[in-house]
Amino acid sequence: MRLFVGAVAIALLAGCSTSPVSPGEARPVPKNRIVAFSANPKEAYGTVVVTRDTGFLGGGCYVAIHIDGKLAARIDTGEVAKFFLSIGGHPSGSA
């Protein structure tokens, strides 16, 4: 019985694992889920690339990305989004 319970526990944990995805292999986030920071600013800027792993864990939900306290995008598993931020200080976001 212990062997069976142990095998089931290992199988469940393995099903919750995620797999890394490189930004080049990930699908781009659809434009309707990118809310802000998607256009190149007219002044100097930096690029932030966010890639979400694939896998079962949390796979049924989008992950909300916030930049400077503002919703920037909702990302699904295996997707990548690029954000263009102006150079300079940004709020840390910590409370």
C-alpha atoms as a PDB file:
ATOM      1  CA  MET A   1       0.000   0.000   0.000  1.00  0.00           C
ATOM      2  CA  ARG A   2       2.826   2.404   0.841  1.00  0.00           C
ATOM      3  CA  LEU A   3       4.415   1.711  -2.515  1.00  0.00           C
ATOM      4  CA  PHE A   4       1.150   2.524  -4.284  1.00  0.00           C
ATOM      5  CA  VAL A   5       0.661   5.798  -2.360  1.00  0.00           C
ATOM      6  CA  GLY A   6       4.285   6.785  -3.045  1.00  0.00           C
ATOM      7  CA  ALA A   7       3.923   6.033  -6.763  1.00  0.00           C
ATOM      8  CA  VAL A   8       0.732   8.089  -6.999  1.00  0.00           C
ATOM      9  CA  ALA A   9       2.368  11.013  -5.177  1.00  0.00           C
ATOM     10  CA  ILE A  10       5.353  10.968  -7.541  1.00  0.00           C
ATOM     11  CA  ALA A  11       3.067  10.763 -10.576  1.00  0.00           C
ATOM     12  CA  LEU A  12       1.048  13.755  -9.366  1.00  0.00           C
ATOM     13  CA  LEU A  13       4.156  15.832  -8.727  1.00  0.00           C
ATOM     14  CA  ALA A  14       5.560  14.975 -12.147  1.00  0.00           C
ATOM     15  CA  GLY A  15       2.300  16.108 -13.744  1.00  0.00           C
ATOM     16  CA  CYS A  16       2.682  19.527 -12.140  1.00  0.00           C
ATOM     17  CA  SER A  17       6.138  20.199 -13.531  1.00  0.00           C
ATOM     18  CA  THR A  18       6.875  22.910 -16.055  1.00  0.00           C
ATOM     19  CA  SER A  19       9.297  22.998 -18.970  1.00  0.00           C
ATOM     20  CA  PRO A  20      11.362  26.060 -19.869  1.00  0.00           C
ATOM     21  CA  VAL A  21      10.755  27.662 -23.241  1.00  0.00           C
ATOM     22  CA  SER A  22      13.232  29.932 -24.998  1.00  0.00           C
ATOM     23  CA  PRO A  23      11.874  33.265 -26.253  1.00  0.00           C
ATOM     24  CA  GLY A  24      12.609  32.136 -29.816  1.00  0.00           C
ATOM     25  CA  GLU A  25      10.437  29.018 -29.470  1.00  0.00           C
ATOM     26  CA  ALA A  26       7.559  30.621 -27.533  1.00  0.00           C
ATOM     27  CA  ARG A  27       4.378  31.868 -29.204  1.00  0.00           C
ATOM     28  CA  PRO A  28       3.911  35.642 -29.142  1.00  0.00           C
ATOM     29  CA  VAL A  29       1.143  36.920 -26.877  1.00  0.00           C
ATOM     30  CA  PRO A  30      -1.851  37.986 -29.007  1.00  0.00           C
ATOM     31  CA  LYS A  31      -2.154  41.766 -29.375  1.00  0.00           C
ATOM     32  CA  ASN A  32      -5.534  41.829 -27.609  1.00  0.00           C
ATOM     33  CA  ARG A  33      -3.853  40.651 -24.361  1.00  0.00           C
ATOM     34  CA  ILE A  34      -0.993  43.185 -24.463  1.00  0.00           C
ATOM     35  CA  VAL A  35      -2.398  46.285 -22.821  1.00  0.00           C
ATOM     36  CA  ALA A  36       0.561  48.655 -22.364  1.00  0.00           C
ATOM     37  CA  PHE A  37       4.233  49.254 -23.170  1.00  0.00           C
ATOM     38  CA  SER A  38       3.970  47.500 -26.553  1.00  0.00           C
ATOM     39  CA  ALA A  39       5.026  50.438 -28.774  1.00  0.00           C
ATOM     40  CA  ASN A  40       8.556  51.796 -29.013  1.00  0.00           C
ATOM     41  CA  PRO A  41       8.701  55.122 -27.154  1.00  0.00           C
ATOM     42  CA  LYS A  42      10.014  58.102 -29.087  1.00  0.00           C
ATOM     43  CA  GLU A  43      12.860  58.607 -26.584  1.00  0.00           C
ATOM     44  CA  ALA A  44      15.592  56.102 -25.688  1.00  0.00           C
ATOM     45  CA  TYR A  45      14.187  52.825 -24.360  1.00  0.00           C
ATOM     46  CA  GLY A  46      15.061  49.409 -23.024  1.00  0.00           C
ATOM     47  CA  THR A  47      13.341  46.138 -23.866  1.00  0.00           C
ATOM     48  CA  VAL A  48      11.992  43.694 -21.283  1.00  0.00           C
ATOM     49  CA  VAL A  49      11.198  40.183 -22.542  1.00  0.00           C
ATOM     50  CA  VAL A  50       8.909  37.950 -20.447  1.00  0.00           C
ATOM     51  CA  THR A  51       8.568  34.263 -21.367  1.00  0.00           C
ATOM     52  CA  ARG A  52       6.255  31.851 -19.541  1.00  0.00           C
ATOM     53  CA  ASP A  53       7.130  28.160 -19.207  1.00  0.00           C
ATOM     54  CA  THR A  54       4.860  25.414 -20.505  1.00  0.00           C
ATOM     55  CA  GLY A  55       3.344  22.848 -18.196  1.00  0.00           C
ATOM     56  CA  PHE A  56       0.314  21.908 -16.182  1.00  0.00           C
ATOM     57  CA  LEU A  57       0.957  23.990 -13.051  1.00  0.00           C
ATOM     58  CA  GLY A  58      -1.267  27.067 -13.325  1.00  0.00           C
ATOM     59  CA  GLY A  59      -1.847  26.277 -16.985  1.00  0.00           C
ATOM     60  CA  GLY A  60      -5.540  27.086 -16.854  1.00  0.00           C
ATOM     61  CA  CYS A  61      -4.923  30.720 -15.933  1.00  0.00           C
ATOM     62  CA  TYR A  62      -3.241  33.717 -17.507  1.00  0.00           C
ATOM     63  CA  VAL A  63      -0.438  35.409 -15.582  1.00  0.00           C
ATOM     64  CA  ALA A  64      -0.881  39.172 -15.301  1.00  0.00           C
ATOM     65  CA  ILE A  65       2.290  41.200 -15.867  1.00  0.00           C
ATOM     66  CA  HIS A  66       2.346  44.626 -14.197  1.00  0.00           C
ATOM     67  CA  ILE A  67       4.927  47.302 -14.980  1.00  0.00           C
ATOM     68  CA  ASP A  68       5.101  50.462 -12.878  1.00  0.00           C
ATOM     69  CA  GLY A  69       1.846  49.387 -11.204  1.00  0.00           C
ATOM     70  CA  LYS A  70      -0.002  49.228 -14.529  1.00  0.00           C
ATOM     71  CA  LEU A  71      -1.329  46.053 -16.189  1.00  0.00           C
ATOM     72  CA  ALA A  72       0.900  45.411 -19.204  1.00  0.00           C
ATOM     73  CA  ALA A  73      -0.281  41.992 -20.438  1.00  0.00           C
ATOM     74  CA  ARG A  74      -1.856  38.647 -19.630  1.00  0.00           C
ATOM     75  CA  ILE A  75       0.386  35.750 -20.632  1.00  0.00           C
ATOM     76  CA  ASP A  76      -0.577  32.097 -21.180  1.00  0.00           C
ATOM     77  CA  THR A  77       1.757  29.114 -20.951  1.00  0.00           C
ATOM     78  CA  GLY A  78       4.413  28.935 -23.678  1.00  0.00           C
ATOM     79  CA  GLU A  79       4.011  32.597 -24.686  1.00  0.00           C
ATOM     80  CA  VAL A  80       6.441  35.519 -24.873  1.00  0.00           C
ATOM     81  CA  ALA A  81       5.850  39.271 -24.682  1.00  0.00           C
ATOM     82  CA  LYS A  82       8.183  42.219 -25.276  1.00  0.00           C
ATOM     83  CA  PHE A  83       7.748  45.501 -23.447  1.00  0.00           C
ATOM     84  CA  PHE A  84       9.450  48.783 -24.328  1.00  0.00           C
ATOM     85  CA  LEU A  85      10.269  50.988 -21.330  1.00  0.00           C
ATOM     86  CA  SER A  86      11.736  54.452 -21.309  1.00  0.00           C
ATOM     87  CA  ILE A  87      15.213  54.681 -19.811  1.00  0.00           C
ATOM     88  CA  GLY A  88      15.354  56.103 -16.309  1.00  0.00           C
ATOM     89  CA  GLY A  89      13.913  55.483 -12.898  1.00  0.00           C
ATOM     90  CA  HIS A  90      10.862  53.326 -12.413  1.00  0.00           C
ATOM     91  CA  PRO A  91       8.979  52.647  -9.163  1.00  0.00           C
ATOM     92  CA  SER A  92      10.215  49.483  -7.466  1.00  0.00           C
ATOM     93  CA  GLY A  93       6.691  48.205  -6.843  1.00  0.00           C
ATOM     94  CA  SER A  94       7.566  46.945  -3.382  1.00  0.00           C
ATOM     95  CA  ALA A  95       5.414  47.985  -0.450  1.00  0.00           C
END
